Amino acid sequence: MSRGRGLLARALLAVLALLGAGAPVSACPSCFSQAQGPLVDAARLGMWLLLAVTLGLQGAFVAFFLYLRRRAARAAGQALDDEWPGLQREWDRKGRWV
């Protein structure tokens, strides 16, 4: 059993060494630190546009939940105003609650 594990470990190490010793990959000029030209400008503009859409959507969620919180507070206050007169009792002339 130990011999099989050693053989498997050596084979795995050999595969990892072959994968790590590959030839360098060539990159396009944009990725290889020569960031100039209209293609790079368009990519930057696209990134800013996606960032603006994401932040705008998150801002809309925050605004909606703030609106819901404000509306819930207003509804709770209105419910208390509607219920308060029913909670108020008065004494009648005979000393009983009315």
N, C-alpha and C. Protein backbone atom coordinates (compact mmCIF):
# COMPACT_ATOMS: atom_id res chain seq x y z
N MET A 1 0.82 -1.19 0.00
CA MET A 1 0.00 0.00 0.00
C MET A 1 0.87 1.26 0.00
N SER A 2 1.96 1.25 0.75
CA SER A 2 2.85 2.39 0.84
C SER A 2 3.54 2.65 -0.49
N ARG A 3 3.89 1.58 -1.20
CA ARG A 3 4.56 1.72 -2.49
C ARG A 3 3.63 2.39 -3.51
N GLY A 4 2.33 2.04 -3.45
CA GLY A 4 1.35 2.63 -4.36
C GLY A 4 1.16 4.13 -4.10
N ARG A 5 1.17 4.51 -2.85
CA ARG A 5 1.04 5.93 -2.52
C ARG A 5 2.26 6.72 -2.97
N GLY A 6 3.44 6.13 -2.82
CA GLY A 6 4.67 6.80 -3.25
C GLY A 6 4.68 6.99 -4.75
N LEU A 7 4.23 5.99 -5.47
CA LEU A 7 4.19 6.07 -6.93
C LEU A 7 3.18 7.13 -7.38
N LEU A 8 2.03 7.16 -6.72
CA LEU A 8 1.01 8.16 -7.04
C LEU A 8 1.51 9.58 -6.74
N ALA A 9 2.22 9.74 -5.63
CA ALA A 9 2.75 11.05 -5.28
C ALA A 9 3.79 11.50 -6.29
N ARG A 10 4.65 10.57 -6.76
CA ARG A 10 5.65 10.93 -7.77
C ARG A 10 5.00 11.30 -9.10
N ALA A 11 3.97 10.56 -9.47
CA ALA A 11 3.27 10.86 -10.73
C ALA A 11 2.59 12.23 -10.65
N LEU A 12 1.98 12.53 -9.52
CA LEU A 12 1.34 13.83 -9.33
C LEU A 12 2.37 14.95 -9.37
N LEU A 13 3.51 14.73 -8.73
CA LEU A 13 4.57 15.73 -8.75
C LEU A 13 5.10 15.94 -10.16
N ALA A 14 5.22 14.87 -10.94
CA ALA A 14 5.69 14.99 -12.32
C ALA A 14 4.70 15.78 -13.18
N VAL A 15 3.41 15.52 -13.00
CA VAL A 15 2.39 16.26 -13.76
C VAL A 15 2.42 17.73 -13.40
N LEU A 16 2.53 18.02 -12.11
CA LEU A 16 2.59 19.43 -11.69
C LEU A 16 3.84 20.12 -12.22
N ALA A 17 4.96 19.42 -12.26
CA ALA A 17 6.19 20.00 -12.80
C ALA A 17 6.05 20.28 -14.28
N LEU A 18 5.41 19.37 -15.02
CA LEU A 18 5.21 19.61 -16.46
C LEU A 18 4.27 20.79 -16.71
N LEU A 19 3.23 20.92 -15.90
CA LEU A 19 2.32 22.04 -16.07
C LEU A 19 2.99 23.36 -15.70
N GLY A 20 3.83 23.35 -14.68
CA GLY A 20 4.48 24.57 -14.25
C GLY A 20 5.64 24.99 -15.14
N ALA A 21 6.19 24.08 -15.92
CA ALA A 21 7.35 24.38 -16.76
C ALA A 21 6.95 24.68 -18.19
N GLY A 22 5.73 25.11 -18.42
CA GLY A 22 5.27 25.41 -19.77
C GLY A 22 5.95 26.64 -20.33
N ALA A 23 5.80 26.82 -21.62
CA ALA A 23 6.39 27.98 -22.29
C ALA A 23 5.64 29.25 -21.87
N PRO A 24 6.33 30.38 -21.84
CA PRO A 24 5.64 31.63 -21.49
C PRO A 24 4.54 31.93 -22.50
N VAL A 25 3.48 32.49 -22.01
CA VAL A 25 2.33 32.79 -22.85
C VAL A 25 2.48 34.19 -23.41
N SER A 26 2.22 34.35 -24.71
CA SER A 26 2.27 35.69 -25.27
C SER A 26 0.96 36.41 -25.00
N ALA A 27 1.08 37.67 -24.73
CA ALA A 27 -0.09 38.48 -24.40
C ALA A 27 -0.27 39.55 -25.46
N CYS A 28 -1.48 40.06 -25.54
CA CYS A 28 -1.74 41.14 -26.48
C CYS A 28 -1.06 42.42 -25.97
N PRO A 29 -0.87 43.41 -26.81
CA PRO A 29 -0.20 44.63 -26.38
C PRO A 29 -0.92 45.34 -25.22
N SER A 30 -2.26 45.24 -25.17
CA SER A 30 -2.99 45.88 -24.08
C SER A 30 -2.66 45.26 -22.75
N CYS A 31 -2.52 43.92 -22.74
CA CYS A 31 -2.24 43.21 -21.50
C CYS A 31 -0.76 43.22 -21.17
N PHE A 32 0.08 43.57 -22.13
CA PHE A 32 1.52 43.49 -21.93
C PHE A 32 2.10 44.87 -21.64
N SER A 33 1.34 45.71 -20.96
CA SER A 33 1.76 47.02 -20.46
C SER A 33 1.94 48.08 -21.53
N GLN A 34 1.35 47.93 -22.67
CA GLN A 34 1.38 48.99 -23.67
C GLN A 34 -0.05 49.48 -23.85
N ALA A 35 -0.57 50.09 -22.79
CA ALA A 35 -1.97 50.50 -22.77
C ALA A 35 -2.13 51.83 -23.49
N GLN A 36 -2.36 51.77 -24.78
CA GLN A 36 -2.60 52.96 -25.57
C GLN A 36 -3.59 52.61 -26.66
N GLY A 37 -4.30 53.60 -27.13
CA GLY A 37 -5.17 53.38 -28.27
C GLY A 37 -6.64 53.37 -27.91
N PRO A 38 -7.47 53.36 -28.96
CA PRO A 38 -8.91 53.44 -28.75
C PRO A 38 -9.51 52.18 -28.11
N LEU A 39 -8.90 51.03 -28.32
CA LEU A 39 -9.43 49.80 -27.73
C LEU A 39 -9.33 49.85 -26.20
N VAL A 40 -8.23 50.33 -25.69
CA VAL A 40 -8.04 50.45 -24.25
C VAL A 40 -8.96 51.53 -23.69
N ASP A 41 -9.13 52.63 -24.41
CA ASP A 41 -10.04 53.69 -23.96
C ASP A 41 -11.47 53.19 -23.89
N ALA A 42 -11.88 52.39 -24.86
CA ALA A 42 -13.23 51.83 -24.85
C ALA A 42 -13.40 50.84 -23.70
N ALA A 43 -12.38 50.05 -23.41
CA ALA A 43 -12.46 49.11 -22.29
C ALA A 43 -12.58 49.87 -20.97
N ARG A 44 -11.83 50.94 -20.81
CA ARG A 44 -11.93 51.76 -19.59
C ARG A 44 -13.32 52.39 -19.47
N LEU A 45 -13.83 52.90 -20.55
CA LEU A 45 -15.16 53.51 -20.52
C LEU A 45 -16.23 52.46 -20.18
N GLY A 46 -16.09 51.26 -20.73
CA GLY A 46 -17.03 50.19 -20.39
C GLY A 46 -16.97 49.82 -18.93
N MET A 47 -15.77 49.80 -18.36
CA MET A 47 -15.62 49.48 -16.94
C MET A 47 -16.29 50.54 -16.09
N TRP A 48 -16.12 51.81 -16.42
CA TRP A 48 -16.77 52.89 -15.66
C TRP A 48 -18.28 52.84 -15.81
N LEU A 49 -18.76 52.48 -17.00
CA LEU A 49 -20.20 52.37 -17.20
C LEU A 49 -20.79 51.25 -16.35
N LEU A 50 -20.15 50.08 -16.33
CA LEU A 50 -20.64 48.98 -15.51
C LEU A 50 -20.59 49.33 -14.02
N LEU A 51 -19.56 50.04 -13.60
CA LEU A 51 -19.46 50.47 -12.22
C LEU A 51 -20.58 51.45 -11.87
N ALA A 52 -20.90 52.36 -12.78
CA ALA A 52 -21.98 53.33 -12.55
C ALA A 52 -23.34 52.63 -12.46
N VAL A 53 -23.57 51.65 -13.33
CA VAL A 53 -24.84 50.92 -13.29
C VAL A 53 -24.97 50.15 -11.97
N THR A 54 -23.89 49.51 -11.54
CA THR A 54 -23.93 48.76 -10.28
C THR A 54 -24.20 49.67 -9.10
N LEU A 55 -23.49 50.78 -9.01
CA LEU A 55 -23.70 51.71 -7.90
C LEU A 55 -25.08 52.36 -7.95
N GLY A 56 -25.57 52.63 -9.14
CA GLY A 56 -26.91 53.19 -9.27
C GLY A 56 -27.98 52.22 -8.78
N LEU A 57 -27.83 50.96 -9.12
CA LEU A 57 -28.79 49.95 -8.66
C LEU A 57 -28.73 49.78 -7.15
N GLN A 58 -27.55 49.77 -6.57
CA GLN A 58 -27.43 49.68 -5.12
C GLN A 58 -28.04 50.90 -4.44
N GLY A 59 -27.83 52.07 -5.01
CA GLY A 59 -28.44 53.28 -4.47
C GLY A 59 -29.95 53.23 -4.53
N ALA A 60 -30.49 52.66 -5.60
CA ALA A 60 -31.95 52.52 -5.71
C ALA A 60 -32.49 51.59 -4.63
N PHE A 61 -31.78 50.50 -4.33
CA PHE A 61 -32.20 49.60 -3.26
C PHE A 61 -32.21 50.32 -1.92
N VAL A 62 -31.18 51.08 -1.64
CA VAL A 62 -31.10 51.81 -0.37
C VAL A 62 -32.24 52.82 -0.28
N ALA A 63 -32.50 53.55 -1.35
CA ALA A 63 -33.58 54.53 -1.34
C ALA A 63 -34.93 53.85 -1.14
N PHE A 64 -35.14 52.70 -1.75
CA PHE A 64 -36.42 51.99 -1.60
C PHE A 64 -36.63 51.53 -0.16
N PHE A 65 -35.58 50.99 0.47
CA PHE A 65 -35.74 50.53 1.85
C PHE A 65 -35.90 51.69 2.82
N LEU A 66 -35.26 52.82 2.55
CA LEU A 66 -35.49 54.01 3.38
C LEU A 66 -36.93 54.50 3.23
N TYR A 67 -37.45 54.44 2.02
CA TYR A 67 -38.85 54.81 1.79
C TYR A 67 -39.79 53.88 2.56
N LEU A 68 -39.50 52.57 2.52
CA LEU A 68 -40.34 51.62 3.26
C LEU A 68 -40.28 51.87 4.76
N ARG A 69 -39.09 52.19 5.29
CA ARG A 69 -38.95 52.46 6.72
C ARG A 69 -39.74 53.70 7.12
N ARG A 70 -39.65 54.74 6.30
CA ARG A 70 -40.38 55.98 6.57
C ARG A 70 -41.89 55.74 6.50
N ARG A 71 -42.32 54.96 5.54
CA ARG A 71 -43.75 54.68 5.40
C ARG A 71 -44.28 53.82 6.55
N ALA A 72 -43.46 52.86 7.01
CA ALA A 72 -43.87 52.02 8.14
C ALA A 72 -43.98 52.85 9.41
N ALA A 73 -43.07 53.79 9.61
CA ALA A 73 -43.14 54.65 10.80
C ALA A 73 -44.40 55.53 10.74
N ARG A 74 -44.71 56.03 9.56
CA ARG A 74 -45.91 56.85 9.42
C ARG A 74 -47.17 56.02 9.66
N ALA A 75 -47.20 54.78 9.18
CA ALA A 75 -48.36 53.92 9.37
C ALA A 75 -48.52 53.55 10.84
N ALA A 76 -47.40 53.33 11.55
CA ALA A 76 -47.49 53.01 12.98
C ALA A 76 -48.04 54.20 13.76
N GLY A 77 -47.61 55.40 13.41
CA GLY A 77 -48.13 56.60 14.07
C GLY A 77 -49.61 56.79 13.79
N GLN A 78 -50.03 56.53 12.56
CA GLN A 78 -51.44 56.66 12.21
C GLN A 78 -52.28 55.64 12.95
N ALA A 79 -51.78 54.41 13.10
CA ALA A 79 -52.52 53.37 13.81
C ALA A 79 -52.70 53.75 15.27
N LEU A 80 -51.66 54.35 15.87
CA LEU A 80 -51.78 54.79 17.26
C LEU A 80 -52.78 55.93 17.38
N ASP A 81 -52.77 56.85 16.42
CA ASP A 81 -53.75 57.94 16.45
C ASP A 81 -55.17 57.41 16.30
N ASP A 82 -55.37 56.37 15.50
CA ASP A 82 -56.71 55.80 15.33
C ASP A 82 -57.14 55.02 16.56
N GLU A 83 -56.21 54.41 17.27
CA GLU A 83 -56.54 53.57 18.41
C GLU A 83 -56.67 54.36 19.71
N TRP A 84 -56.01 55.49 19.80
CA TRP A 84 -55.96 56.26 21.05
C TRP A 84 -57.33 56.68 21.57
N PRO A 85 -58.24 57.18 20.73
CA PRO A 85 -59.55 57.56 21.28
C PRO A 85 -60.30 56.39 21.92
N GLY A 86 -60.11 55.18 21.39
CA GLY A 86 -60.76 54.02 21.98
C GLY A 86 -60.16 53.64 23.32
N LEU A 87 -58.93 54.03 23.54
CA LEU A 87 -58.28 53.74 24.81
C LEU A 87 -58.62 54.75 25.90
N GLN A 88 -59.04 55.90 25.48
CA GLN A 88 -59.40 56.93 26.45
C GLN A 88 -60.76 56.61 27.03
N ARG A 89 -60.84 56.58 28.35
CA ARG A 89 -62.12 56.32 29.02
C ARG A 89 -62.44 57.49 29.93
N GLU A 90 -63.67 57.61 30.17
CA GLU A 90 -64.09 58.68 31.08
C GLU A 90 -64.94 58.09 32.19
N TRP A 91 -64.96 58.75 33.30
CA TRP A 91 -65.83 58.35 34.41
C TRP A 91 -67.22 58.91 34.14
N ASP A 92 -68.19 58.11 34.38
CA ASP A 92 -69.53 58.70 34.32
C ASP A 92 -69.87 59.24 35.70
N ARG A 93 -71.03 59.78 35.88
CA ARG A 93 -71.40 60.42 37.14
C ARG A 93 -71.52 59.44 38.31
N LYS A 94 -71.67 58.15 37.98
CA LYS A 94 -71.80 57.16 39.06
C LYS A 94 -70.47 56.52 39.41
N GLY A 95 -69.36 56.98 38.83
CA GLY A 95 -68.06 56.45 39.18
C GLY A 95 -67.68 55.19 38.44
N ARG A 96 -68.25 54.94 37.27
CA ARG A 96 -67.92 53.78 36.46
C ARG A 96 -67.17 54.25 35.20
N TRP A 97 -66.35 53.31 34.69
CA TRP A 97 -65.69 53.59 33.43
C TRP A 97 -66.69 53.50 32.28
N VAL A 98 -66.57 54.41 31.38
CA VAL A 98 -67.46 54.40 30.22
C VAL A 98 -66.66 54.08 28.99
